[in-house]
Amino acid sequence: MFAASSRSAIAVQTVGQLLLPLFSACAITALTTPALAHDAKPTAAKPQGWSYPFACCANYDCHEVSQTSISERPEGYVIKDTGEVLAYSDRRIKDSPDGEFHWCAHEAGLDAGKTICLFVPPQSY
């Protein structure tokens, strides 16, 4: 009886020794894979859609907004929902690949509603 119980204890220990490195490898792989941005919805100009740069979003901060949500003033683009003004020279302003406005803003926390990126249609649209 003693031999059988010691063999099962050894087997459990061996399985544990195998699972810990396997679990650690999986965790490291999951944490070190590159982060991906989420995609803009397909439009007539971009039927396949396009990906927001990760620097502008964390998979949920960006979305298309209507042209009435953004206005242009001499001082820059105005986000009507927040009143925030982005100067035309602001680095957060990007060309929109599909000719639509897309706004990337913090969803929560102290920076909630603050613009991360604003994609604007090129002047030719």
C-alpha atoms as a PDB file:
ATOM      1  CA  MET A   1       0.000   0.000   0.000  1.00  0.00           C
ATOM      2  CA  PHE A   2       2.839   2.360   0.842  1.00  0.00           C
ATOM      3  CA  ALA A   3       4.462   1.829  -2.568  1.00  0.00           C
ATOM      4  CA  ALA A   4       1.226   2.645  -4.439  1.00  0.00           C
ATOM      5  CA  SER A   5       0.611   5.882  -2.548  1.00  0.00           C
ATOM      6  CA  SER A   6       4.184   7.059  -2.984  1.00  0.00           C
ATOM      7  CA  ARG A   7       4.013   6.347  -6.725  1.00  0.00           C
ATOM      8  CA  SER A   8       0.852   8.473  -7.087  1.00  0.00           C
ATOM      9  CA  ALA A   9       2.472  11.281  -5.097  1.00  0.00           C
ATOM     10  CA  ILE A  10       5.442  11.149  -7.452  1.00  0.00           C
ATOM     11  CA  ALA A  11       3.102  11.203 -10.474  1.00  0.00           C
ATOM     12  CA  VAL A  12       1.224  14.244  -9.149  1.00  0.00           C
ATOM     13  CA  GLN A  13       4.462  16.044  -8.475  1.00  0.00           C
ATOM     14  CA  THR A  14       5.729  15.245 -11.985  1.00  0.00           C
ATOM     15  CA  VAL A  15       2.530  16.533 -13.609  1.00  0.00           C
ATOM     16  CA  GLY A  16       2.799  19.707 -11.527  1.00  0.00           C
ATOM     17  CA  GLN A  17       6.385  20.152 -12.575  1.00  0.00           C
ATOM     18  CA  LEU A  18       5.338  19.864 -16.229  1.00  0.00           C
ATOM     19  CA  LEU A  19       2.340  22.184 -16.022  1.00  0.00           C
ATOM     20  CA  LEU A  20       4.072  25.101 -14.299  1.00  0.00           C
ATOM     21  CA  PRO A  21       6.601  25.743 -17.107  1.00  0.00           C
ATOM     22  CA  LEU A  22       3.890  25.206 -19.717  1.00  0.00           C
ATOM     23  CA  PHE A  23       1.590  27.704 -18.007  1.00  0.00           C
ATOM     24  CA  SER A  24       4.465  30.178 -17.632  1.00  0.00           C
ATOM     25  CA  ALA A  25       5.340  29.913 -21.324  1.00  0.00           C
ATOM     26  CA  CYS A  26       1.708  30.521 -22.309  1.00  0.00           C
ATOM     27  CA  ALA A  27       1.474  33.550 -20.029  1.00  0.00           C
ATOM     28  CA  ILE A  28       4.696  35.052 -21.390  1.00  0.00           C
ATOM     29  CA  THR A  29       3.547  34.488 -24.980  1.00  0.00           C
ATOM     30  CA  ALA A  30       0.193  36.131 -24.302  1.00  0.00           C
ATOM     31  CA  LEU A  31       1.798  39.140 -22.639  1.00  0.00           C
ATOM     32  CA  THR A  32       4.477  39.703 -25.260  1.00  0.00           C
ATOM     33  CA  THR A  33       2.396  39.424 -28.436  1.00  0.00           C
ATOM     34  CA  PRO A  34       2.061  42.755 -30.238  1.00  0.00           C
ATOM     35  CA  ALA A  35      -1.091  44.687 -29.476  1.00  0.00           C
ATOM     36  CA  LEU A  36      -3.449  45.097 -32.401  1.00  0.00           C
ATOM     37  CA  ALA A  37      -5.663  48.050 -33.154  1.00  0.00           C
ATOM     38  CA  HIS A  38      -9.293  47.595 -33.979  1.00  0.00           C
ATOM     39  CA  ASP A  39     -10.812  48.223 -37.380  1.00  0.00           C
ATOM     40  CA  ALA A  40     -12.939  50.992 -38.785  1.00  0.00           C
ATOM     41  CA  LYS A  41     -16.147  49.838 -40.413  1.00  0.00           C
ATOM     42  CA  PRO A  42     -16.127  49.393 -44.189  1.00  0.00           C
ATOM     43  CA  THR A  43     -17.263  52.394 -46.226  1.00  0.00           C
ATOM     44  CA  ALA A  44     -17.738  53.070 -49.928  1.00  0.00           C
ATOM     45  CA  ALA A  45     -14.219  54.529 -50.089  1.00  0.00           C
ATOM     46  CA  LYS A  46     -12.702  51.625 -48.124  1.00  0.00           C
ATOM     47  CA  PRO A  47     -14.917  48.536 -48.654  1.00  0.00           C
ATOM     48  CA  GLN A  48     -12.510  46.340 -46.666  1.00  0.00           C
ATOM     49  CA  GLY A  49     -12.357  48.820 -43.797  1.00  0.00           C
ATOM     50  CA  TRP A  50      -9.062  49.916 -42.282  1.00  0.00           C
ATOM     51  CA  SER A  51      -7.247  49.615 -38.976  1.00  0.00           C
ATOM     52  CA  TYR A  52      -6.865  52.437 -36.504  1.00  0.00           C
ATOM     53  CA  PRO A  53      -3.236  52.818 -35.414  1.00  0.00           C
ATOM     54  CA  PHE A  54      -2.679  51.385 -31.933  1.00  0.00           C
ATOM     55  CA  ALA A  55      -1.227  54.730 -30.843  1.00  0.00           C
ATOM     56  CA  CYS A  56      -4.701  56.203 -31.335  1.00  0.00           C
ATOM     57  CA  CYS A  57      -6.715  53.541 -29.586  1.00  0.00           C
ATOM     58  CA  ALA A  58      -6.681  50.576 -27.287  1.00  0.00           C
ATOM     59  CA  ASN A  59      -9.181  48.496 -29.221  1.00  0.00           C
ATOM     60  CA  TYR A  60     -12.219  50.530 -28.237  1.00  0.00           C
ATOM     61  CA  ASP A  61     -11.438  54.253 -28.175  1.00  0.00           C
ATOM     62  CA  CYS A  62     -12.133  55.093 -31.849  1.00  0.00           C
ATOM     63  CA  HIS A  63     -15.316  55.370 -33.850  1.00  0.00           C
ATOM     64  CA  GLU A  64     -16.717  57.152 -36.862  1.00  0.00           C
ATOM     65  CA  VAL A  65     -18.537  60.402 -36.094  1.00  0.00           C
ATOM     66  CA  SER A  66     -20.863  62.438 -38.257  1.00  0.00           C
ATOM     67  CA  GLN A  67     -19.623  65.523 -40.050  1.00  0.00           C
ATOM     68  CA  THR A  68     -21.904  67.586 -37.837  1.00  0.00           C
ATOM     69  CA  SER A  69     -19.959  66.417 -34.748  1.00  0.00           C
ATOM     70  CA  ILE A  70     -16.822  68.235 -35.889  1.00  0.00           C
ATOM     71  CA  SER A  71     -16.683  71.829 -36.994  1.00  0.00           C
ATOM     72  CA  GLU A  72     -13.882  73.906 -38.427  1.00  0.00           C
ATOM     73  CA  ARG A  73     -12.991  77.290 -37.056  1.00  0.00           C
ATOM     74  CA  PRO A  74     -10.011  79.553 -37.730  1.00  0.00           C
ATOM     75  CA  GLU A  75      -8.338  78.155 -34.600  1.00  0.00           C
ATOM     76  CA  GLY A  76      -8.809  74.499 -35.617  1.00  0.00           C
ATOM     77  CA  TYR A  77     -11.208  71.561 -35.429  1.00  0.00           C
ATOM     78  CA  VAL A  78     -13.846  71.733 -32.694  1.00  0.00           C
ATOM     79  CA  ILE A  79     -15.253  68.569 -31.134  1.00  0.00           C
ATOM     80  CA  LYS A  80     -18.857  69.603 -30.508  1.00  0.00           C
ATOM     81  CA  ASP A  81     -19.528  67.027 -27.766  1.00  0.00           C
ATOM     82  CA  THR A  82     -16.688  68.277 -25.576  1.00  0.00           C
ATOM     83  CA  GLY A  83     -15.891  71.749 -26.920  1.00  0.00           C
ATOM     84  CA  GLU A  84     -12.266  70.694 -27.316  1.00  0.00           C
ATOM     85  CA  VAL A  85     -10.347  72.589 -30.006  1.00  0.00           C
ATOM     86  CA  LEU A  86      -7.512  70.944 -31.919  1.00  0.00           C
ATOM     87  CA  ALA A  87      -5.268  73.338 -33.806  1.00  0.00           C
ATOM     88  CA  TYR A  88      -4.758  72.438 -37.459  1.00  0.00           C
ATOM     89  CA  SER A  89      -1.077  71.793 -36.670  1.00  0.00           C
ATOM     90  CA  ASP A  90      -1.886  69.388 -33.793  1.00  0.00           C
ATOM     91  CA  ARG A  91      -0.097  66.039 -34.191  1.00  0.00           C
ATOM     92  CA  ARG A  92      -3.248  64.191 -33.120  1.00  0.00           C
ATOM     93  CA  ILE A  93      -4.920  65.149 -36.411  1.00  0.00           C
ATOM     94  CA  LYS A  94      -4.565  62.427 -39.040  1.00  0.00           C
ATOM     95  CA  ASP A  95      -5.796  62.014 -42.618  1.00  0.00           C
ATOM     96  CA  SER A  96      -8.854  59.776 -42.795  1.00  0.00           C
ATOM     97  CA  PRO A  97      -8.337  56.899 -45.231  1.00  0.00           C
ATOM     98  CA  ASP A  98     -12.057  56.642 -45.987  1.00  0.00           C
ATOM     99  CA  GLY A  99     -12.989  60.323 -46.187  1.00  0.00           C
ATOM    100  CA  GLU A 100     -15.033  60.240 -42.952  1.00  0.00           C
ATOM    101  CA  PHE A 101     -14.404  61.781 -39.539  1.00  0.00           C
ATOM    102  CA  HIS A 102     -13.219  59.343 -36.884  1.00  0.00           C
ATOM    103  CA  TRP A 103     -12.688  60.402 -33.279  1.00  0.00           C
ATOM    104  CA  CYS A 104     -10.502  58.531 -30.817  1.00  0.00           C
ATOM    105  CA  ALA A 105     -10.992  59.640 -27.227  1.00  0.00           C
ATOM    106  CA  HIS A 106     -10.429  58.279 -23.745  1.00  0.00           C
ATOM    107  CA  GLU A 107     -13.579  56.498 -22.583  1.00  0.00           C
ATOM    108  CA  ALA A 108     -13.085  56.772 -18.820  1.00  0.00           C
ATOM    109  CA  GLY A 109     -10.886  58.141 -16.079  1.00  0.00           C
ATOM    110  CA  LEU A 110      -9.460  61.605 -15.613  1.00  0.00           C
ATOM    111  CA  ASP A 111      -8.959  62.027 -19.373  1.00  0.00           C
ATOM    112  CA  ALA A 112     -12.491  60.883 -20.318  1.00  0.00           C
ATOM    113  CA  GLY A 113     -13.586  62.639 -23.508  1.00  0.00           C
ATOM    114  CA  LYS A 114     -10.105  63.971 -24.258  1.00  0.00           C
ATOM    115  CA  THR A 115      -9.040  63.427 -27.866  1.00  0.00           C
ATOM    116  CA  ILE A 116      -6.308  60.911 -28.615  1.00  0.00           C
ATOM    117  CA  CYS A 117      -6.569  61.210 -32.432  1.00  0.00           C
ATOM    118  CA  LEU A 118      -8.928  62.836 -34.897  1.00  0.00           C
ATOM    119  CA  PHE A 119      -9.097  61.470 -38.436  1.00  0.00           C
ATOM    120  CA  VAL A 120     -10.311  64.097 -40.866  1.00  0.00           C
ATOM    121  CA  PRO A 121     -11.185  63.846 -44.553  1.00  0.00           C
ATOM    122  CA  PRO A 122      -8.618  65.320 -46.905  1.00  0.00           C
ATOM    123  CA  GLN A 123      -9.616  68.670 -48.387  1.00  0.00           C
ATOM    124  CA  SER A 124     -10.415  66.964 -51.702  1.00  0.00           C
ATOM    125  CA  TYR A 125     -13.493  65.172 -50.246  1.00  0.00           C
END
